[in-house]
Amino acid sequence: MTAWSLIYNHEPRTFIAEKSVYVWGMQATSTNQIQTADLSQESLSRLEWAIIFTLQFED
């Protein structure tokens, strides 16, 4: 990979304990061109490579 960038939210959020929540990530590309990305499914699906950390609630 020739370029990388962090993916995270700047705004405070409230989570529902019933779902997994994307918290933070890092993207990379082999084209040396980083796309602007957020933690939405639509945005993440356009990335070449990413690692996303999720928060899961357990009983």
N, C-alpha and C. Protein backbone atom coordinates (compact mmCIF):
# COMPACT_ATOMS: atom_id res chain seq x y z
N MET A 1 0.84 -1.17 0.00
CA MET A 1 0.00 0.00 0.00
C MET A 1 0.89 1.24 0.00
N THR A 2 0.50 2.23 -0.78
CA THR A 2 1.35 3.42 -0.93
C THR A 2 0.81 4.65 -0.21
N ALA A 3 -0.44 4.60 0.24
CA ALA A 3 -1.01 5.74 0.97
C ALA A 3 -1.97 5.20 2.01
N TRP A 4 -2.13 5.94 3.11
CA TRP A 4 -3.08 5.51 4.14
C TRP A 4 -3.68 6.74 4.82
N SER A 5 -4.83 6.52 5.49
CA SER A 5 -5.55 7.59 6.17
C SER A 5 -6.41 7.00 7.28
N LEU A 6 -6.65 7.77 8.33
CA LEU A 6 -7.53 7.33 9.42
C LEU A 6 -8.98 7.62 9.08
N ILE A 7 -9.88 6.81 9.66
CA ILE A 7 -11.32 7.00 9.50
C ILE A 7 -11.92 7.06 10.90
N TYR A 8 -12.56 8.17 11.25
CA TYR A 8 -13.18 8.28 12.57
C TYR A 8 -14.20 9.42 12.55
N ASN A 9 -15.03 9.47 13.59
CA ASN A 9 -16.03 10.53 13.73
C ASN A 9 -15.53 11.56 14.72
N HIS A 10 -15.80 12.82 14.43
CA HIS A 10 -15.41 13.90 15.33
C HIS A 10 -16.52 14.23 16.33
N GLU A 11 -17.74 13.86 16.00
CA GLU A 11 -18.90 14.21 16.82
C GLU A 11 -19.20 13.14 17.86
N PRO A 12 -19.65 13.54 19.06
CA PRO A 12 -20.09 12.55 20.05
C PRO A 12 -21.29 11.77 19.51
N ARG A 13 -21.38 10.49 19.86
CA ARG A 13 -22.48 9.66 19.41
C ARG A 13 -23.05 8.87 20.56
N THR A 14 -24.32 8.50 20.44
CA THR A 14 -25.00 7.62 21.38
C THR A 14 -25.21 6.29 20.69
N PHE A 15 -24.90 5.18 21.38
CA PHE A 15 -25.00 3.86 20.79
C PHE A 15 -26.18 3.10 21.35
N ILE A 16 -26.75 2.24 20.52
CA ILE A 16 -27.79 1.31 20.95
C ILE A 16 -27.09 -0.02 21.20
N ALA A 17 -27.32 -0.62 22.36
CA ALA A 17 -26.59 -1.82 22.76
C ALA A 17 -27.00 -3.06 21.99
N GLU A 18 -27.87 -2.95 21.01
CA GLU A 18 -28.33 -4.11 20.25
C GLU A 18 -27.51 -4.36 18.99
N LYS A 19 -26.69 -3.41 18.56
CA LYS A 19 -25.95 -3.52 17.31
C LYS A 19 -24.46 -3.32 17.53
N SER A 20 -23.66 -3.84 16.58
CA SER A 20 -22.24 -3.50 16.55
C SER A 20 -22.10 -2.09 16.01
N VAL A 21 -21.11 -1.36 16.51
CA VAL A 21 -20.92 0.03 16.11
C VAL A 21 -19.49 0.20 15.60
N TYR A 22 -19.33 0.79 14.41
CA TYR A 22 -18.00 1.11 13.90
C TYR A 22 -17.46 2.28 14.71
N VAL A 23 -16.24 2.13 15.23
CA VAL A 23 -15.66 3.14 16.11
C VAL A 23 -14.52 3.91 15.45
N TRP A 24 -13.63 3.19 14.78
CA TRP A 24 -12.40 3.79 14.25
C TRP A 24 -11.85 2.89 13.17
N GLY A 25 -11.12 3.44 12.23
CA GLY A 25 -10.54 2.60 11.19
C GLY A 25 -9.37 3.27 10.50
N MET A 26 -8.76 2.50 9.62
CA MET A 26 -7.66 2.99 8.80
C MET A 26 -7.86 2.43 7.40
N GLN A 27 -7.67 3.28 6.40
CA GLN A 27 -7.77 2.83 5.01
C GLN A 27 -6.41 2.95 4.35
N ALA A 28 -6.23 2.17 3.29
CA ALA A 28 -5.00 2.23 2.50
C ALA A 28 -5.35 1.98 1.04
N THR A 29 -4.43 2.36 0.17
CA THR A 29 -4.64 2.19 -1.26
C THR A 29 -3.31 1.95 -1.97
N SER A 30 -3.38 1.26 -3.07
CA SER A 30 -2.18 1.02 -3.88
C SER A 30 -2.02 2.07 -4.97
N THR A 31 -3.01 2.96 -5.11
CA THR A 31 -2.97 3.97 -6.18
C THR A 31 -2.39 5.29 -5.72
N ASN A 32 -2.04 5.41 -4.44
CA ASN A 32 -1.49 6.65 -3.87
C ASN A 32 -2.50 7.79 -3.90
N GLN A 33 -3.81 7.47 -3.95
CA GLN A 33 -4.88 8.47 -3.90
C GLN A 33 -5.89 8.05 -2.85
N ILE A 34 -5.97 8.78 -1.76
CA ILE A 34 -6.88 8.46 -0.67
C ILE A 34 -8.22 9.15 -0.92
N GLN A 35 -9.32 8.39 -0.72
CA GLN A 35 -10.66 8.95 -0.82
C GLN A 35 -11.12 9.39 0.55
N THR A 36 -11.92 10.44 0.61
CA THR A 36 -12.55 10.83 1.86
C THR A 36 -13.52 9.73 2.25
N ALA A 37 -13.46 9.31 3.52
CA ALA A 37 -14.31 8.21 3.97
C ALA A 37 -14.85 8.50 5.35
N ASP A 38 -16.04 7.99 5.61
CA ASP A 38 -16.59 8.01 6.96
C ASP A 38 -16.94 6.57 7.32
N LEU A 39 -17.59 6.35 8.43
CA LEU A 39 -17.87 5.00 8.90
C LEU A 39 -19.22 4.46 8.44
N SER A 40 -19.81 5.05 7.41
CA SER A 40 -21.07 4.51 6.87
C SER A 40 -20.78 3.32 5.96
N GLN A 41 -21.75 2.41 5.84
CA GLN A 41 -21.59 1.23 4.97
C GLN A 41 -21.28 1.65 3.54
N GLU A 42 -21.97 2.66 3.04
CA GLU A 42 -21.78 3.12 1.66
C GLU A 42 -20.35 3.61 1.44
N SER A 43 -19.85 4.42 2.34
CA SER A 43 -18.50 4.96 2.22
C SER A 43 -17.45 3.84 2.32
N LEU A 44 -17.61 2.94 3.27
CA LEU A 44 -16.65 1.86 3.46
C LEU A 44 -16.61 0.91 2.28
N SER A 45 -17.73 0.71 1.61
CA SER A 45 -17.78 -0.22 0.48
C SER A 45 -16.96 0.27 -0.72
N ARG A 46 -16.64 1.55 -0.78
CA ARG A 46 -15.87 2.10 -1.90
C ARG A 46 -14.36 2.04 -1.68
N LEU A 47 -13.91 1.61 -0.51
CA LEU A 47 -12.48 1.61 -0.20
C LEU A 47 -11.80 0.36 -0.75
N GLU A 48 -10.55 0.52 -1.16
CA GLU A 48 -9.76 -0.62 -1.65
C GLU A 48 -9.37 -1.55 -0.49
N TRP A 49 -8.93 -0.97 0.62
CA TRP A 49 -8.48 -1.74 1.77
C TRP A 49 -8.76 -0.93 3.03
N ALA A 50 -9.27 -1.60 4.07
CA ALA A 50 -9.51 -0.91 5.34
C ALA A 50 -9.54 -1.92 6.48
N ILE A 51 -9.16 -1.47 7.65
CA ILE A 51 -9.36 -2.23 8.87
C ILE A 51 -10.24 -1.36 9.76
N ILE A 52 -11.34 -1.93 10.24
CA ILE A 52 -12.33 -1.18 11.02
C ILE A 52 -12.48 -1.83 12.38
N PHE A 53 -12.38 -1.04 13.42
CA PHE A 53 -12.58 -1.51 14.78
C PHE A 53 -14.04 -1.27 15.16
N THR A 54 -14.67 -2.32 15.72
CA THR A 54 -16.08 -2.21 16.09
C THR A 54 -16.24 -2.42 17.59
N LEU A 55 -17.33 -1.87 18.10
CA LEU A 55 -17.71 -2.02 19.49
C LEU A 55 -18.94 -2.91 19.54
N GLN A 56 -18.87 -4.01 20.32
CA GLN A 56 -20.01 -4.90 20.47
C GLN A 56 -20.38 -4.99 21.93
N PHE A 57 -21.66 -4.95 22.20
CA PHE A 57 -22.16 -5.03 23.57
C PHE A 57 -22.62 -6.46 23.85
N GLU A 58 -22.25 -7.00 25.00
CA GLU A 58 -22.67 -8.34 25.39
C GLU A 58 -23.37 -8.27 26.73
N ASP A 59 -24.29 -9.20 26.93
CA ASP A 59 -25.00 -9.28 28.20
C ASP A 59 -24.16 -9.93 29.26
